Amino acid sequence: MERPLDALSALKGKEVNVLLKDGTNLTGKLEAFDIHTNVVLSNATSGSKKLDQIFIRGDMVTYIN
């Protein structure tokens, strides 16, 4: 069985979907993460909103896939 941080490592540099606790869904390239599940996405989109880069606090993350 893979550990959670190993699973995130496998996704680094790839396009991911991040669902937040408030229901927001973001899609972007996973640039970085840490042990608290804080993540940085580049070229992120949420609906029609486009962001060059976004930092997402780990306690807001429901899932990453």
PDB file of N, CA and C in Angstrom:
ATOM      1  N   MET A   1       0.846  -1.181   0.000  1.00  0.00           N
ATOM      2  CA  MET A   1       0.000   0.000   0.000  1.00  0.00           C
ATOM      3  C   MET A   1       0.889   1.241   0.000  1.00  0.00           C
ATOM      4  N   GLU A   2       0.488   2.204  -0.796  1.00  0.00           N
ATOM      5  CA  GLU A   2       1.235   3.450  -0.910  1.00  0.00           C
ATOM      6  C   GLU A   2       0.892   4.396   0.237  1.00  0.00           C
ATOM      7  N   ARG A   3       1.889   5.110   0.720  1.00  0.00           N
ATOM      8  CA  ARG A   3       1.644   6.134   1.725  1.00  0.00           C
ATOM      9  C   ARG A   3       1.106   7.383   1.027  1.00  0.00           C
ATOM     10  N   PRO A   4       0.308   8.209   1.724  1.00  0.00           N
ATOM     11  CA  PRO A   4      -0.296   9.385   1.083  1.00  0.00           C
ATOM     12  C   PRO A   4       0.711  10.327   0.420  1.00  0.00           C
ATOM     13  N   LEU A   5       1.822  10.601   1.072  1.00  0.00           N
ATOM     14  CA  LEU A   5       2.797  11.519   0.475  1.00  0.00           C
ATOM     15  C   LEU A   5       3.479  10.896  -0.739  1.00  0.00           C
ATOM     16  N   ASP A   6       3.612   9.572  -0.749  1.00  0.00           N
ATOM     17  CA  ASP A   6       4.150   8.892  -1.934  1.00  0.00           C
ATOM     18  C   ASP A   6       3.185   9.039  -3.109  1.00  0.00           C
ATOM     19  N   ALA A   7       1.894   8.941  -2.815  1.00  0.00           N
ATOM     20  CA  ALA A   7       0.884   9.106  -3.865  1.00  0.00           C
ATOM     21  C   ALA A   7       0.934  10.523  -4.432  1.00  0.00           C
ATOM     22  N   LEU A   8       1.096  11.513  -3.562  1.00  0.00           N
ATOM     23  CA  LEU A   8       1.214  12.898  -4.042  1.00  0.00           C
ATOM     24  C   LEU A   8       2.496  13.092  -4.839  1.00  0.00           C
ATOM     25  N   SER A   9       3.572  12.468  -4.409  1.00  0.00           N
ATOM     26  CA  SER A   9       4.838  12.567  -5.149  1.00  0.00           C
ATOM     27  C   SER A   9       4.672  12.068  -6.576  1.00  0.00           C
ATOM     28  N   ALA A  10       3.896  11.019  -6.749  1.00  0.00           N
ATOM     29  CA  ALA A  10       3.662  10.465  -8.084  1.00  0.00           C
ATOM     30  C   ALA A  10       2.875  11.431  -8.966  1.00  0.00           C
ATOM     31  N   LEU A  11       2.113  12.337  -8.345  1.00  0.00           N
ATOM     32  CA  LEU A  11       1.308  13.303  -9.098  1.00  0.00           C
ATOM     33  C   LEU A  11       2.036  14.621  -9.363  1.00  0.00           C
ATOM     34  N   LYS A  12       3.180  14.821  -8.713  1.00  0.00           N
ATOM     35  CA  LYS A  12       3.898  16.090  -8.868  1.00  0.00           C
ATOM     36  C   LYS A  12       4.260  16.317 -10.332  1.00  0.00           C
ATOM     37  N   GLY A  13       3.954  17.517 -10.818  1.00  0.00           N
ATOM     38  CA  GLY A  13       4.220  17.870 -12.208  1.00  0.00           C
ATOM     39  C   GLY A  13       3.099  17.487 -13.156  1.00  0.00           C
ATOM     40  N   LYS A  14       2.057  16.851 -12.618  1.00  0.00           N
ATOM     41  CA  LYS A  14       0.927  16.418 -13.446  1.00  0.00           C
ATOM     42  C   LYS A  14      -0.310  17.258 -13.147  1.00  0.00           C
ATOM     43  N   GLU A  15      -1.264  17.197 -14.052  1.00  0.00           N
ATOM     44  CA  GLU A  15      -2.544  17.873 -13.879  1.00  0.00           C
ATOM     45  C   GLU A  15      -3.364  17.132 -12.827  1.00  0.00           C
ATOM     46  N   VAL A  16      -3.877  17.865 -11.837  1.00  0.00           N
ATOM     47  CA  VAL A  16      -4.679  17.267 -10.768  1.00  0.00           C
ATOM     48  C   VAL A  16      -5.953  18.080 -10.555  1.00  0.00           C
ATOM     49  N   ASN A  17      -6.917  17.443  -9.928  1.00  0.00           N
ATOM     50  CA  ASN A  17      -8.133  18.115  -9.464  1.00  0.00           C
ATOM     51  C   ASN A  17      -8.063  18.167  -7.950  1.00  0.00           C
ATOM     52  N   VAL A  18      -8.386  19.331  -7.393  1.00  0.00           N
ATOM     53  CA  VAL A  18      -8.395  19.501  -5.943  1.00  0.00           C
ATOM     54  C   VAL A  18      -9.789  19.977  -5.544  1.00  0.00           C
ATOM     55  N   LEU A  19     -10.457  19.210  -4.687  1.00  0.00           N
ATOM     56  CA  LEU A  19     -11.757  19.610  -4.167  1.00  0.00           C
ATOM     57  C   LEU A  19     -11.545  20.207  -2.783  1.00  0.00           C
ATOM     58  N   LEU A  20     -12.099  21.399  -2.576  1.00  0.00           N
ATOM     59  CA  LEU A  20     -11.981  22.072  -1.288  1.00  0.00           C
ATOM     60  C   LEU A  20     -13.230  21.835  -0.449  1.00  0.00           C
ATOM     61  N   LYS A  21     -13.114  22.057   0.845  1.00  0.00           N
ATOM     62  CA  LYS A  21     -14.224  21.836   1.771  1.00  0.00           C
ATOM     63  C   LYS A  21     -15.451  22.670   1.430  1.00  0.00           C
ATOM     64  N   ASP A  22     -15.244  23.844   0.814  1.00  0.00           N
ATOM     65  CA  ASP A  22     -16.384  24.701   0.460  1.00  0.00           C
ATOM     66  C   ASP A  22     -17.030  24.301  -0.860  1.00  0.00           C
ATOM     67  N   GLY A  23     -16.557  23.205  -1.472  1.00  0.00           N
ATOM     68  CA  GLY A  23     -17.130  22.721  -2.716  1.00  0.00           C
ATOM     69  C   GLY A  23     -16.423  23.208  -3.965  1.00  0.00           C
ATOM     70  N   THR A  24     -15.470  24.118  -3.813  1.00  0.00           N
ATOM     71  CA  THR A  24     -14.710  24.616  -4.960  1.00  0.00           C
ATOM     72  C   THR A  24     -13.851  23.501  -5.533  1.00  0.00           C
ATOM     73  N   ASN A  25     -13.843  23.397  -6.846  1.00  0.00           N
ATOM     74  CA  ASN A  25     -13.013  22.411  -7.532  1.00  0.00           C
ATOM     75  C   ASN A  25     -11.981  23.159  -8.366  1.00  0.00           C
ATOM     76  N   LEU A  26     -10.710  22.892  -8.125  1.00  0.00           N
ATOM     77  CA  LEU A  26      -9.627  23.518  -8.877  1.00  0.00           C
ATOM     78  C   LEU A  26      -8.885  22.459  -9.673  1.00  0.00           C
ATOM     79  N   THR A  27      -8.468  22.833 -10.872  1.00  0.00           N
ATOM     80  CA  THR A  27      -7.666  21.956 -11.714  1.00  0.00           C
ATOM     81  C   THR A  27      -6.399  22.703 -12.075  1.00  0.00           C
ATOM     82  N   GLY A  28      -5.255  22.046 -11.943  1.00  0.00           N
ATOM     83  CA  GLY A  28      -3.992  22.672 -12.293  1.00  0.00           C
ATOM     84  C   GLY A  28      -2.840  21.696 -12.147  1.00  0.00           C
ATOM     85  N   LYS A  29      -1.651  22.169 -12.489  1.00  0.00           N
ATOM     86  CA  LYS A  29      -0.446  21.349 -12.395  1.00  0.00           C
ATOM     87  C   LYS A  29       0.078  21.401 -10.960  1.00  0.00           C
ATOM     88  N   LEU A  30       0.250  20.231 -10.353  1.00  0.00           N
ATOM     89  CA  LEU A  30       0.755  20.148  -8.981  1.00  0.00           C
ATOM     90  C   LEU A  30       2.242  20.474  -8.973  1.00  0.00           C
ATOM     91  N   GLU A  31       2.581  21.614  -8.388  1.00  0.00           N
ATOM     92  CA  GLU A  31       3.971  22.070  -8.338  1.00  0.00           C
ATOM     93  C   GLU A  31       4.671  21.661  -7.047  1.00  0.00           C
ATOM     94  N   ALA A  32       3.938  21.731  -5.925  1.00  0.00           N
ATOM     95  CA  ALA A  32       4.567  21.453  -4.629  1.00  0.00           C
ATOM     96  C   ALA A  32       3.499  21.064  -3.612  1.00  0.00           C
ATOM     97  N   PHE A  33       3.940  20.376  -2.555  1.00  0.00           N
ATOM     98  CA  PHE A  33       3.072  20.004  -1.442  1.00  0.00           C
ATOM     99  C   PHE A  33       3.961  19.747  -0.234  1.00  0.00           C
ATOM    100  N   ASP A  34       3.345  19.698   0.941  1.00  0.00           N
ATOM    101  CA  ASP A  34       4.114  19.386   2.147  1.00  0.00           C
ATOM    102  C   ASP A  34       3.338  18.395   3.017  1.00  0.00           C
ATOM    103  N   ILE A  35       3.878  18.111   4.192  1.00  0.00           N
ATOM    104  CA  ILE A  35       3.273  17.106   5.069  1.00  0.00           C
ATOM    105  C   ILE A  35       1.900  17.522   5.603  1.00  0.00           C
ATOM    106  N   HIS A  36       1.561  18.803   5.491  1.00  0.00           N
ATOM    107  CA  HIS A  36       0.259  19.297   5.949  1.00  0.00           C
ATOM    108  C   HIS A  36      -0.763  19.314   4.814  1.00  0.00           C
ATOM    109  N   THR A  37      -0.379  18.806   3.668  1.00  0.00           N
ATOM    110  CA  THR A  37      -1.180  18.786   2.444  1.00  0.00           C
ATOM    111  C   THR A  37      -1.429  20.188   1.899  1.00  0.00           C
ATOM    112  N   ASN A  38      -0.600  21.155   2.309  1.00  0.00           N
ATOM    113  CA  ASN A  38      -0.607  22.440   1.614  1.00  0.00           C
ATOM    114  C   ASN A  38      -0.125  22.147   0.205  1.00  0.00           C
ATOM    115  N   VAL A  39      -0.779  22.736  -0.796  1.00  0.00           N
ATOM    116  CA  VAL A  39      -0.387  22.468  -2.173  1.00  0.00           C
ATOM    117  C   VAL A  39      -0.258  23.764  -2.964  1.00  0.00           C
ATOM    118  N   VAL A  40       0.593  23.723  -3.965  1.00  0.00           N
ATOM    119  CA  VAL A  40       0.735  24.815  -4.920  1.00  0.00           C
ATOM    120  C   VAL A  40       0.396  24.262  -6.292  1.00  0.00           C
ATOM    121  N   LEU A  41      -0.553  24.937  -6.968  1.00  0.00           N
ATOM    122  CA  LEU A  41      -0.922  24.587  -8.331  1.00  0.00           C
ATOM    123  C   LEU A  41      -0.517  25.721  -9.257  1.00  0.00           C
ATOM    124  N   SER A  42      -0.076  25.377 -10.456  1.00  0.00           N
ATOM    125  CA  SER A  42       0.169  26.388 -11.484  1.00  0.00           C
ATOM    126  C   SER A  42      -0.850  26.195 -12.597  1.00  0.00           C
ATOM    127  N   ASN A  43      -1.070  27.266 -13.361  1.00  0.00           N
ATOM    128  CA  ASN A  43      -2.048  27.236 -14.463  1.00  0.00           C
ATOM    129  C   ASN A  43      -3.372  26.641 -13.997  1.00  0.00           C
ATOM    130  N   ALA A  44      -3.855  27.137 -12.863  1.00  0.00           N
ATOM    131  CA  ALA A  44      -5.056  26.589 -12.245  1.00  0.00           C
ATOM    132  C   ALA A  44      -6.321  27.238 -12.801  1.00  0.00           C
ATOM    133  N   THR A  45      -7.383  26.450 -12.832  1.00  0.00           N
ATOM    134  CA  THR A  45      -8.692  26.969 -13.216  1.00  0.00           C
ATOM    135  C   THR A  45      -9.723  26.510 -12.203  1.00  0.00           C
ATOM    136  N   SER A  46     -10.696  27.371 -11.999  1.00  0.00           N
ATOM    137  CA  SER A  46     -11.857  27.055 -11.173  1.00  0.00           C
ATOM    138  C   SER A  46     -13.047  27.686 -11.875  1.00  0.00           C
ATOM    139  N   GLY A  47     -13.821  26.862 -12.547  1.00  0.00           N
ATOM    140  CA  GLY A  47     -14.893  27.398 -13.379  1.00  0.00           C
ATOM    141  C   GLY A  47     -14.276  28.203 -14.511  1.00  0.00           C
ATOM    142  N   SER A  48     -14.679  29.472 -14.639  1.00  0.00           N
ATOM    143  CA  SER A  48     -14.116  30.333 -15.691  1.00  0.00           C
ATOM    144  C   SER A  48     -12.921  31.147 -15.195  1.00  0.00           C
ATOM    145  N   LYS A  49     -12.598  31.036 -13.917  1.00  0.00           N
ATOM    146  CA  LYS A  49     -11.482  31.787 -13.327  1.00  0.00           C
ATOM    147  C   LYS A  49     -10.162  31.070 -13.593  1.00  0.00           C
ATOM    148  N   LYS A  50      -9.167  31.824 -14.084  1.00  0.00           N
ATOM    149  CA  LYS A  50      -7.847  31.252 -14.369  1.00  0.00           C
ATOM    150  C   LYS A  50      -6.797  31.939 -13.504  1.00  0.00           C
ATOM    151  N   LEU A  51      -5.906  31.129 -12.918  1.00  0.00           N
ATOM    152  CA  LEU A  51      -4.868  31.640 -12.028  1.00  0.00           C
ATOM    153  C   LEU A  51      -3.517  31.094 -12.462  1.00  0.00           C
ATOM    154  N   ASP A  52      -2.506  31.970 -12.516  1.00  0.00           N
ATOM    155  CA  ASP A  52      -1.158  31.519 -12.870  1.00  0.00           C
ATOM    156  C   ASP A  52      -0.617  30.561 -11.820  1.00  0.00           C
ATOM    157  N   GLN A  53      -0.879  30.910 -10.539  1.00  0.00           N
ATOM    158  CA  GLN A  53      -0.400  30.068  -9.445  1.00  0.00           C
ATOM    159  C   GLN A  53      -1.289  30.302  -8.234  1.00  0.00           C
ATOM    160  N   ILE A  54      -1.524  29.233  -7.478  1.00  0.00           N
ATOM    161  CA  ILE A  54      -2.332  29.355  -6.267  1.00  0.00           C
ATOM    162  C   ILE A  54      -1.762  28.447  -5.178  1.00  0.00           C
ATOM    163  N   PHE A  55      -1.738  28.971  -3.954  1.00  0.00           N
ATOM    164  CA  PHE A  55      -1.364  28.203  -2.766  1.00  0.00           C
ATOM    165  C   PHE A  55      -2.657  27.821  -2.068  1.00  0.00           C
ATOM    166  N   ILE A  56      -2.808  26.552  -1.754  1.00  0.00           N
ATOM    167  CA  ILE A  56      -4.014  26.070  -1.079  1.00  0.00           C
ATOM    168  C   ILE A  56      -3.612  25.486   0.265  1.00  0.00           C
ATOM    169  N   ARG A  57      -4.213  26.014   1.306  1.00  0.00           N
ATOM    170  CA  ARG A  57      -3.921  25.539   2.658  1.00  0.00           C
ATOM    171  C   ARG A  57      -4.480  24.123   2.838  1.00  0.00           C
ATOM    172  N   GLY A  58      -3.682  23.261   3.419  1.00  0.00           N
ATOM    173  CA  GLY A  58      -4.026  21.852   3.544  1.00  0.00           C
ATOM    174  C   GLY A  58      -5.314  21.561   4.280  1.00  0.00           C
ATOM    175  N   ASP A  59      -5.662  22.380   5.279  1.00  0.00           N
ATOM    176  CA  ASP A  59      -6.889  22.095   6.028  1.00  0.00           C
ATOM    177  C   ASP A  59      -8.153  22.420   5.240  1.00  0.00           C
ATOM    178  N   MET A  60      -8.002  22.990   4.044  1.00  0.00           N
ATOM    179  CA  MET A  60      -9.141  23.262   3.165  1.00  0.00           C
ATOM    180  C   MET A  60      -9.363  22.147   2.143  1.00  0.00           C
ATOM    181  N   VAL A  61      -8.395  21.237   2.011  1.00  0.00           N
ATOM    182  CA  VAL A  61      -8.440  20.211   0.967  1.00  0.00           C
ATOM    183  C   VAL A  61      -9.281  19.011   1.411  1.00  0.00           C
ATOM    184  N   THR A  62     -10.242  18.629   0.570  1.00  0.00           N
ATOM    185  CA  THR A  62     -11.027  17.415   0.793  1.00  0.00           C
ATOM    186  C   THR A  62     -10.361  16.241   0.099  1.00  0.00           C
ATOM    187  N   TYR A  63     -10.012  16.421  -1.182  1.00  0.00           N
ATOM    188  CA  TYR A  63      -9.272  15.368  -1.882  1.00  0.00           C
ATOM    189  C   TYR A  63      -8.490  15.934  -3.049  1.00  0.00           C
ATOM    190  N   ILE A  64      -7.512  15.159  -3.489  1.00  0.00           N
ATOM    191  CA  ILE A  64      -6.687  15.473  -4.661  1.00  0.00           C
ATOM    192  C   ILE A  64      -6.670  14.216  -5.521  1.00  0.00           C
ATOM    193  N   ASN A  65      -6.960  14.386  -6.800  1.00  0.00           N
ATOM    194  CA  ASN A  65      -6.847  13.232  -7.712  1.00  0.00           C
ATOM    195  C   ASN A  65      -6.387  13.666  -9.080  1.00  0.00           C
TER     196      ASN A  65
END
